[in-house]
Amino acid sequence: MIRLFFVVIGILLAVIGGVSILAYLNLLTTGYQFTMYLAFLVNRIELYLFLAGVALTIGALTFPSPGKRRRPPK
C-alpha cells in the first residue's frame, strides 16, 4: 500500500513538472535559443519536481516492499 502511495505521488509530481516544462517550450518561439531554454529550466523548481517525480515512481516500482519477502524457487 505504501508503494502505491509513492507511485501516485511520483506521477503527480512528474505531471506537474512535465506540463510546466512543456509550457515553457513557448519560450523557443519568442527567440530563445535552446541553450538559453535549458539554462532557464535549471533555475526553475518545475524541473526538479519532474525529476523527483520520475525518480520516486521508478524507485517505488523497482524496489521490493520491505515487508514482503520472496521465497526461493523450489
N, C-alpha and C. Protein backbone atom coordinates (compact mmCIF):
# COMPACT_ATOMS: atom_id res chain seq x y z
N MET A 1 0.82 -1.19 0.00
CA MET A 1 0.00 0.00 0.00
C MET A 1 0.87 1.26 0.00
N ILE A 2 1.98 1.20 0.69
CA ILE A 2 2.87 2.36 0.75
C ILE A 2 3.52 2.59 -0.61
N ARG A 3 3.78 1.50 -1.35
CA ARG A 3 4.35 1.65 -2.68
C ARG A 3 3.38 2.35 -3.62
N LEU A 4 2.11 2.02 -3.51
CA LEU A 4 1.08 2.68 -4.32
C LEU A 4 1.03 4.17 -4.02
N PHE A 5 1.17 4.53 -2.76
CA PHE A 5 1.20 5.93 -2.36
C PHE A 5 2.37 6.66 -3.03
N PHE A 6 3.55 6.05 -2.99
CA PHE A 6 4.72 6.67 -3.59
C PHE A 6 4.60 6.75 -5.12
N VAL A 7 3.99 5.75 -5.73
CA VAL A 7 3.78 5.80 -7.18
C VAL A 7 2.85 6.94 -7.55
N VAL A 8 1.75 7.08 -6.81
CA VAL A 8 0.79 8.15 -7.11
C VAL A 8 1.42 9.52 -6.90
N ILE A 9 2.13 9.70 -5.79
CA ILE A 9 2.79 10.98 -5.53
C ILE A 9 3.84 11.26 -6.60
N GLY A 10 4.60 10.26 -6.99
CA GLY A 10 5.61 10.43 -8.03
C GLY A 10 5.02 10.81 -9.37
N ILE A 11 3.91 10.17 -9.74
CA ILE A 11 3.26 10.50 -11.01
C ILE A 11 2.71 11.92 -10.96
N LEU A 12 2.13 12.31 -9.84
CA LEU A 12 1.60 13.67 -9.72
C LEU A 12 2.71 14.71 -9.84
N LEU A 13 3.82 14.48 -9.18
CA LEU A 13 4.95 15.42 -9.29
C LEU A 13 5.50 15.48 -10.71
N ALA A 14 5.59 14.31 -11.36
CA ALA A 14 6.11 14.28 -12.72
C ALA A 14 5.16 14.99 -13.69
N VAL A 15 3.87 14.86 -13.48
CA VAL A 15 2.91 15.53 -14.36
C VAL A 15 2.96 17.03 -14.16
N ILE A 16 3.00 17.47 -12.91
CA ILE A 16 3.07 18.91 -12.64
C ILE A 16 4.32 19.51 -13.26
N GLY A 17 5.46 18.87 -13.05
CA GLY A 17 6.70 19.38 -13.62
C GLY A 17 6.74 19.27 -15.13
N GLY A 18 6.25 18.16 -15.68
CA GLY A 18 6.29 17.96 -17.12
C GLY A 18 5.41 18.93 -17.88
N VAL A 19 4.23 19.21 -17.36
CA VAL A 19 3.34 20.17 -18.01
C VAL A 19 3.96 21.56 -18.02
N SER A 20 4.58 21.92 -16.93
CA SER A 20 5.23 23.23 -16.86
C SER A 20 6.42 23.31 -17.82
N ILE A 21 7.19 22.25 -17.91
CA ILE A 21 8.32 22.23 -18.83
C ILE A 21 7.83 22.36 -20.27
N LEU A 22 6.75 21.66 -20.59
CA LEU A 22 6.19 21.78 -21.94
C LEU A 22 5.65 23.19 -22.20
N ALA A 23 5.07 23.80 -21.19
CA ALA A 23 4.57 25.16 -21.36
C ALA A 23 5.72 26.14 -21.59
N TYR A 24 6.85 25.89 -20.97
CA TYR A 24 8.00 26.77 -21.14
C TYR A 24 8.63 26.62 -22.52
N LEU A 25 8.22 25.61 -23.29
CA LEU A 25 8.73 25.48 -24.66
C LEU A 25 8.30 26.65 -25.53
N ASN A 26 7.28 27.37 -25.11
CA ASN A 26 6.86 28.56 -25.85
C ASN A 26 7.94 29.63 -25.86
N LEU A 27 8.89 29.54 -24.96
CA LEU A 27 10.00 30.50 -24.97
C LEU A 27 10.84 30.37 -26.23
N LEU A 28 10.86 29.17 -26.81
CA LEU A 28 11.63 28.99 -28.04
C LEU A 28 11.02 29.76 -29.20
N THR A 29 9.71 29.96 -29.18
CA THR A 29 9.08 30.70 -30.27
C THR A 29 9.27 32.21 -30.11
N THR A 30 9.66 32.65 -28.92
CA THR A 30 9.87 34.08 -28.71
C THR A 30 11.31 34.51 -28.99
N GLY A 31 12.15 33.58 -29.42
CA GLY A 31 13.51 33.95 -29.80
C GLY A 31 14.59 33.37 -28.91
N TYR A 32 14.22 32.63 -27.88
CA TYR A 32 15.24 32.00 -27.03
C TYR A 32 15.93 30.89 -27.82
N GLN A 33 17.21 30.73 -27.60
CA GLN A 33 17.91 29.59 -28.15
C GLN A 33 17.73 28.41 -27.20
N PHE A 34 18.03 27.21 -27.71
CA PHE A 34 17.80 26.02 -26.89
C PHE A 34 18.70 26.01 -25.66
N THR A 35 19.92 26.50 -25.79
CA THR A 35 20.81 26.55 -24.62
C THR A 35 20.30 27.55 -23.58
N MET A 36 19.71 28.65 -24.05
CA MET A 36 19.11 29.61 -23.12
C MET A 36 17.90 29.00 -22.43
N TYR A 37 17.14 28.19 -23.17
CA TYR A 37 15.99 27.49 -22.61
C TYR A 37 16.42 26.53 -21.51
N LEU A 38 17.48 25.77 -21.77
CA LEU A 38 17.98 24.83 -20.76
C LEU A 38 18.50 25.56 -19.53
N ALA A 39 19.18 26.68 -19.75
CA ALA A 39 19.67 27.47 -18.63
C ALA A 39 18.50 28.03 -17.80
N PHE A 40 17.43 28.40 -18.48
CA PHE A 40 16.24 28.88 -17.79
C PHE A 40 15.61 27.76 -16.97
N LEU A 41 15.55 26.54 -17.55
CA LEU A 41 14.93 25.41 -16.85
C LEU A 41 15.69 25.01 -15.59
N VAL A 42 17.00 25.13 -15.63
CA VAL A 42 17.81 24.73 -14.47
C VAL A 42 17.47 25.59 -13.26
N ASN A 43 17.05 26.82 -13.49
CA ASN A 43 16.71 27.72 -12.39
C ASN A 43 15.27 27.59 -11.92
N ARG A 44 14.48 26.73 -12.54
CA ARG A 44 13.07 26.59 -12.19
C ARG A 44 12.84 25.36 -11.32
N ILE A 45 11.91 25.46 -10.39
CA ILE A 45 11.61 24.34 -9.48
C ILE A 45 10.87 23.22 -10.21
N GLU A 46 10.21 23.53 -11.32
CA GLU A 46 9.44 22.53 -12.03
C GLU A 46 10.31 21.41 -12.59
N LEU A 47 11.52 21.74 -12.99
CA LEU A 47 12.43 20.71 -13.48
C LEU A 47 12.75 19.72 -12.38
N TYR A 48 12.97 20.22 -11.19
CA TYR A 48 13.31 19.34 -10.07
C TYR A 48 12.10 18.56 -9.58
N LEU A 49 10.91 19.13 -9.69
CA LEU A 49 9.69 18.37 -9.39
C LEU A 49 9.54 17.21 -10.37
N PHE A 50 9.79 17.48 -11.63
CA PHE A 50 9.70 16.44 -12.65
C PHE A 50 10.70 15.32 -12.38
N LEU A 51 11.94 15.68 -12.13
CA LEU A 51 12.97 14.68 -11.87
C LEU A 51 12.69 13.87 -10.61
N ALA A 52 12.22 14.56 -9.55
CA ALA A 52 11.89 13.86 -8.31
C ALA A 52 10.71 12.92 -8.53
N GLY A 53 9.73 13.35 -9.29
CA GLY A 53 8.57 12.50 -9.57
C GLY A 53 8.94 11.26 -10.35
N VAL A 54 9.78 11.42 -11.36
CA VAL A 54 10.21 10.26 -12.15
C VAL A 54 11.03 9.31 -11.28
N ALA A 55 11.94 9.85 -10.49
CA ALA A 55 12.77 9.01 -9.61
C ALA A 55 11.93 8.29 -8.57
N LEU A 56 10.95 8.98 -8.00
CA LEU A 56 10.09 8.38 -6.99
C LEU A 56 9.24 7.27 -7.58
N THR A 57 8.72 7.49 -8.77
CA THR A 57 7.90 6.46 -9.42
C THR A 57 8.73 5.24 -9.79
N ILE A 58 9.88 5.46 -10.38
CA ILE A 58 10.74 4.33 -10.76
C ILE A 58 11.21 3.60 -9.52
N GLY A 59 11.58 4.34 -8.49
CA GLY A 59 12.02 3.69 -7.25
C GLY A 59 10.93 2.86 -6.59
N ALA A 60 9.72 3.38 -6.58
CA ALA A 60 8.61 2.65 -5.95
C ALA A 60 8.24 1.41 -6.75
N LEU A 61 8.39 1.46 -8.05
CA LEU A 61 8.05 0.30 -8.88
C LEU A 61 9.18 -0.72 -8.97
N THR A 62 10.39 -0.29 -8.73
CA THR A 62 11.54 -1.17 -8.90
C THR A 62 11.89 -1.94 -7.63
N PHE A 63 12.00 -1.23 -6.52
CA PHE A 63 12.45 -1.87 -5.30
C PHE A 63 11.31 -2.63 -4.63
N PRO A 64 11.61 -3.82 -4.10
CA PRO A 64 10.55 -4.60 -3.46
C PRO A 64 10.15 -3.99 -2.11
N SER A 65 8.95 -4.33 -1.70
CA SER A 65 8.46 -3.87 -0.40
C SER A 65 9.28 -4.53 0.70
N PRO A 66 9.59 -3.79 1.78
CA PRO A 66 10.40 -4.39 2.85
C PRO A 66 9.67 -5.49 3.61
N GLY A 67 8.35 -5.48 3.63
CA GLY A 67 7.60 -6.46 4.39
C GLY A 67 7.39 -7.78 3.66
N LYS A 68 7.50 -7.77 2.35
CA LYS A 68 7.26 -8.98 1.58
C LYS A 68 8.60 -9.58 1.14
N ARG A 69 8.78 -10.80 1.52
CA ARG A 69 10.00 -11.50 1.14
C ARG A 69 9.64 -12.58 0.13
N ARG A 70 10.47 -12.70 -0.87
CA ARG A 70 10.24 -13.72 -1.87
C ARG A 70 10.82 -15.05 -1.40
N ARG A 71 10.08 -16.09 -1.67
CA ARG A 71 10.60 -17.42 -1.35
C ARG A 71 11.48 -17.89 -2.48
N PRO A 72 12.54 -18.58 -2.16
CA PRO A 72 13.39 -19.10 -3.24
C PRO A 72 12.64 -20.16 -4.04
N PRO A 73 12.93 -20.26 -5.33
CA PRO A 73 12.24 -21.27 -6.14
C PRO A 73 12.65 -22.67 -5.72
N LYS A 74 11.71 -23.58 -5.87
CA LYS A 74 11.96 -24.99 -5.47
C LYS A 74 12.62 -25.76 -6.56
